[in-house]
Protein backbone atom coordinates (compact mmCIF):
# COMPACT_ATOMS: atom_id res chain seq x y z
CA UNK A 1 92.57 54.76 50.55
CA UNK A 2 95.91 55.21 52.29
CA UNK A 3 98.32 57.56 50.58
CA UNK A 4 101.51 55.54 51.10
CA UNK A 5 103.73 58.35 49.85
CA UNK A 6 102.28 60.74 52.41
CA UNK A 7 102.54 58.11 55.14
CA UNK A 8 106.17 57.39 54.28
CA UNK A 9 106.96 61.10 54.23
CA UNK A 10 105.31 61.53 57.63
CA UNK A 11 107.28 58.63 59.09
CA UNK A 12 110.54 60.06 57.73
CA UNK A 13 109.69 63.51 59.09
CA UNK A 14 108.90 62.04 62.52
CA UNK A 15 112.14 60.06 62.58
CA UNK A 16 114.15 63.08 61.45
CA UNK A 17 112.60 65.32 64.11
CA UNK A 18 112.74 62.70 66.85
CA UNK A 19 115.56 61.84 69.27
CA UNK A 20 117.90 60.70 66.49
CA UNK A 21 121.03 60.70 68.65
CA UNK A 22 119.36 58.59 71.34
CA UNK A 23 118.15 56.08 68.77
CA UNK A 24 121.50 56.16 67.01
CA UNK A 25 123.40 55.40 70.23
CA UNK A 26 121.06 52.52 70.98
CA UNK A 27 121.54 51.18 67.46
CA UNK A 28 125.34 51.40 67.61
CA UNK A 29 125.50 49.72 71.03
CA UNK A 30 123.21 46.90 69.92
CA UNK A 31 125.04 46.35 66.64
CA UNK A 32 128.43 46.38 68.38
CA UNK A 33 127.23 43.81 70.87
CA UNK A 34 125.70 41.54 68.24
CA UNK A 35 128.96 41.29 66.28
CA UNK A 36 131.08 40.79 69.40
CA UNK A 37 132.18 37.41 70.79
CA UNK A 38 130.13 38.17 73.91
CA UNK A 39 126.74 37.89 72.21
CA UNK A 40 127.12 34.20 71.43
CA UNK A 41 125.97 34.84 67.88
CA UNK A 42 129.45 35.01 66.38
CA UNK A 43 130.99 31.54 65.99
CA UNK A 44 134.36 31.19 67.71
CA UNK A 45 136.51 28.22 66.75
CA UNK A 46 137.71 25.96 69.53
CA UNK A 47 136.65 24.95 73.01
CA UNK A 48 134.91 26.95 75.72
CA UNK A 49 138.33 28.17 76.80
CA UNK A 50 138.85 29.65 73.33
CA UNK A 51 135.53 31.51 73.62
CA UNK A 52 136.51 32.95 76.99
CA UNK A 53 139.91 33.95 75.60
CA UNK A 54 138.24 35.74 72.67
CA UNK A 55 135.93 37.60 75.02
CA UNK A 56 138.79 38.59 77.32
CA UNK A 57 140.84 39.87 74.37
CA UNK A 58 137.81 41.84 73.17
CA UNK A 59 137.39 43.56 76.53
CA UNK A 60 141.12 44.24 76.81
CA UNK A 61 141.19 45.87 73.39
CA UNK A 62 138.11 48.09 73.67
CA UNK A 63 137.53 48.44 77.41
CA UNK A 64 139.17 50.66 80.01
CA UNK A 65 142.04 49.21 82.03
CA UNK A 66 142.60 51.76 84.85
CA UNK A 67 146.33 51.03 85.22
CA UNK A 68 146.90 51.62 81.51
CA UNK A 69 144.71 54.71 81.36
CA UNK A 70 146.47 56.29 84.33
CA UNK A 71 149.82 55.65 82.66
CA UNK A 72 148.64 57.94 79.82
CA UNK A 73 149.36 55.45 77.06
CA UNK A 74 148.12 57.04 73.80
CA UNK A 75 145.92 54.10 72.88
CA UNK A 76 144.49 53.87 76.39
CA UNK A 77 143.35 57.49 76.31
CA UNK A 78 140.72 56.56 73.71
CA UNK A 79 139.33 53.56 75.60
CA UNK A 80 136.87 55.58 77.77
CA UNK A 81 135.08 56.36 74.49
CA UNK A 82 135.22 52.91 72.93
CA UNK A 83 134.19 51.27 76.22
CA UNK A 84 130.88 53.15 76.10
CA UNK A 85 129.76 50.94 73.23
CA UNK A 86 130.92 47.62 74.70
CA UNK A 87 128.77 45.51 77.03
CA UNK A 88 129.50 42.39 79.00
CA UNK A 89 126.23 40.47 78.63
CA UNK A 90 122.73 40.61 77.18
CA UNK A 91 121.36 41.79 80.54
CA UNK A 92 123.99 44.50 80.76
CA UNK A 93 123.13 45.74 77.27
CA UNK A 94 119.34 45.63 77.60
CA UNK A 95 119.31 47.31 81.01
CA UNK A 96 121.45 50.20 79.79
CA UNK A 97 119.53 50.62 76.55
CA UNK A 98 116.21 50.67 78.40
CA UNK A 99 117.37 53.57 80.54
CA UNK A 100 118.84 55.42 77.58
CA UNK A 101 115.59 55.00 75.67
CA UNK A 102 113.45 56.19 78.59
CA UNK A 103 115.46 59.21 79.71
CA UNK A 104 117.55 60.09 76.67
CA UNK A 105 114.75 61.26 74.38
CA UNK A 106 113.53 64.09 76.61
CA UNK A 107 117.07 65.19 77.50
CA UNK A 108 118.01 65.26 73.81
CA UNK A 109 114.91 67.26 72.94
CA UNK A 110 115.84 69.84 75.59
CA UNK A 111 119.53 70.06 74.64
CA UNK A 112 119.44 69.51 70.91
CA UNK A 113 121.08 66.69 69.00
CA UNK A 114 124.65 67.97 68.75
CA UNK A 115 124.88 69.17 72.34
CA UNK A 116 123.31 65.97 73.64
CA UNK A 117 125.78 63.81 71.69
CA UNK A 118 128.77 65.73 73.07
CA UNK A 119 127.23 65.74 76.55
CA UNK A 120 126.70 61.97 76.46
CA UNK A 121 130.26 61.23 75.35
CA UNK A 122 131.73 63.73 77.80
CA UNK A 123 129.82 62.32 80.77
CA UNK A 124 130.80 58.78 79.81
CA UNK A 125 134.47 59.68 79.42
CA UNK A 126 134.65 61.51 82.75
CA UNK A 127 132.74 58.77 84.57
CA UNK A 128 135.17 56.08 83.44
CA UNK A 129 138.14 58.38 84.02
CA UNK A 130 136.94 59.06 87.56
CA UNK A 131 136.65 55.36 88.29
CA UNK A 132 140.11 54.71 86.83
CA UNK A 133 141.63 57.51 88.94
CA UNK A 134 140.16 55.98 92.10
CA UNK A 135 141.49 52.51 91.19
CA UNK A 136 144.67 53.51 89.39
CA UNK A 137 146.45 50.17 89.91
CA UNK A 138 143.56 47.96 88.80
CA UNK A 139 144.03 45.64 85.83
CA UNK A 140 140.31 44.82 85.58
CA UNK A 141 138.64 45.94 82.37
CA UNK A 142 135.71 48.32 82.57
CA UNK A 143 133.03 48.44 79.85
CA UNK A 144 129.52 49.70 79.37
CA UNK A 145 127.47 52.84 78.80
CA UNK A 146 126.33 53.12 82.43
CA UNK A 147 128.52 56.14 83.20
CA UNK A 148 127.19 58.12 80.23
CA UNK A 149 123.60 57.09 80.93
CA UNK A 150 124.04 58.08 84.58
CA UNK A 151 124.99 61.52 83.26
CA UNK A 152 121.72 61.59 81.33
CA UNK A 153 119.87 60.72 84.55
CA UNK A 154 121.61 63.56 86.38
CA UNK A 155 120.65 66.06 83.70
CA UNK A 156 117.11 64.70 83.64
CA UNK A 157 116.81 65.29 87.40
CA UNK A 158 117.58 68.99 86.95
CA UNK A 159 115.63 69.52 83.74
CA UNK A 160 112.49 67.48 84.46
CA UNK A 161 112.25 67.04 88.25
CA UNK A 162 108.46 66.71 88.33
CA UNK A 163 107.89 64.43 85.38
CA UNK A 164 106.24 61.19 86.42
CA UNK A 165 108.34 58.03 86.28
CA UNK A 166 106.92 54.51 86.47
CA UNK A 167 109.44 52.38 88.35
CA UNK A 168 109.76 48.81 89.57
CA UNK A 169 111.25 48.42 93.05
CA UNK A 170 112.42 44.92 94.06
CA UNK A 171 111.65 45.39 97.76
CA UNK A 172 108.05 46.31 96.81
CA UNK A 173 107.62 43.03 94.91
CA UNK A 174 108.26 44.77 91.56
CA UNK A 175 104.95 46.61 91.67
CA UNK A 176 104.84 49.37 89.02
CA UNK A 177 104.52 52.63 90.96
CA UNK A 178 104.52 56.21 89.67
CA UNK A 179 106.63 58.86 91.39
CA UNK A 180 108.05 62.26 90.48
CA UNK A 181 111.41 61.89 88.76
CA UNK A 182 113.27 63.67 91.56
CA UNK A 183 112.22 61.01 94.10
CA UNK A 184 113.22 58.08 91.88
CA UNK A 185 116.50 59.56 90.71
CA UNK A 186 117.63 60.84 94.12
CA UNK A 187 116.83 57.41 95.57
CA UNK A 188 118.80 55.75 92.76
CA UNK A 189 121.78 58.06 93.31
CA UNK A 190 121.86 57.33 97.04
CA UNK A 191 121.88 53.58 96.30
CA UNK A 192 124.80 54.01 93.89
CA UNK A 193 126.69 56.15 96.41
CA UNK A 194 126.25 53.60 99.19
CA UNK A 195 127.25 50.75 96.89
CA UNK A 196 130.32 52.66 95.66
CA UNK A 197 131.53 53.18 99.23
CA UNK A 198 131.67 49.43 99.84
CA UNK A 199 132.75 48.27 96.37
CA UNK A 200 136.32 47.41 95.48
CA UNK A 201 138.27 47.52 92.22
CA UNK A 202 137.53 43.87 91.37
CA UNK A 203 134.94 42.41 88.97
CA UNK A 204 131.40 43.67 89.38
CA UNK A 205 129.37 46.81 88.84
CA UNK A 206 131.40 50.04 88.71
CA UNK A 207 129.12 52.01 91.02
CA UNK A 208 131.64 54.83 91.33
CA UNK A 209 131.39 55.45 87.58
CA UNK A 210 127.62 55.81 88.03
CA UNK A 211 128.12 58.34 90.82
CA UNK A 212 130.65 60.38 88.84
CA UNK A 213 128.54 60.33 85.67
CA UNK A 214 125.39 61.37 87.51
CA UNK A 215 127.17 64.24 89.28
CA UNK A 216 128.74 65.46 86.05
CA UNK A 217 125.40 65.34 84.23
CA UNK A 218 123.54 67.19 86.97
CA UNK A 219 126.22 69.87 87.34
CA UNK A 220 126.37 70.40 83.59
CA UNK A 221 122.59 70.85 83.36
CA UNK A 222 122.63 73.17 86.38
CA UNK A 223 125.42 75.30 84.94
CA UNK A 224 124.01 75.33 81.42
CA UNK A 225 120.29 75.76 82.09
CA UNK A 226 119.90 77.26 85.56
CA UNK A 227 119.07 80.69 84.09
CA UNK A 228 116.45 79.14 81.87
CA UNK A 229 113.21 77.48 82.81
CA UNK A 230 113.26 73.88 83.89
CA UNK A 231 110.13 71.83 83.31
CA UNK A 232 108.14 72.37 86.50
CA UNK A 233 104.79 71.19 85.26
CA UNK A 234 104.16 67.48 84.95
CA UNK A 235 105.79 66.36 81.73
CA UNK A 236 104.88 63.31 79.66
CA UNK A 237 105.19 60.15 81.69
CA UNK A 238 108.28 58.02 81.33
CA UNK A 239 108.91 54.45 82.32
CA UNK A 240 112.00 52.86 83.76
CA UNK A 241 113.43 50.36 86.19
CA UNK A 242 114.93 51.03 89.59
CA UNK A 243 118.46 50.27 88.38
CA UNK A 244 120.27 51.20 85.11
């Protein structure tokens, strides 16, 4: 017979010893999205214009507006943190959470829960701040966890360069192929860099925030762990997409 008390205790012990910060961040982001007017699950009174107005007000309140952030308004200084938990669509949310789930667990295990949490928030803040500094006059709102997750990718590149990553590349007809992490992540970074060079401050993907976050994450891991041993042997396989 199954000892349900022992099974429950084992499940609790596994959850407690697992990547609790990674799972917690995913949970907070998902919950925040579900209760937002963007999810479509929260009824908004009025016409379609009223729905769009509610969504716009939501982004303005919790997202980063570069012009306001660069003016050093007290409220605006907190928005690079709140914006990390706000997403613009279901696809935006699910793509980011997939990457956080895939790469965050191993990075958290290497850093420890408290350090990883501070690292994640710091990378996200600096990524959004870097984008705002480059587009200081922009009134477009910026939301999403991509900058922080890009920091996780940068740290992962230094800490686990030889771990195998299963990726889907559009130009290869989405065939699942396995490569060392350093190949996938360097290729991803180059794509973000090229896209950031041609992107403007208008609506769209904030590629520059990805570049800044990735660089901050890699440099932090290099400075913090370069005297220690990185994982040179093949680590447990991870799975991800070609874009976060």
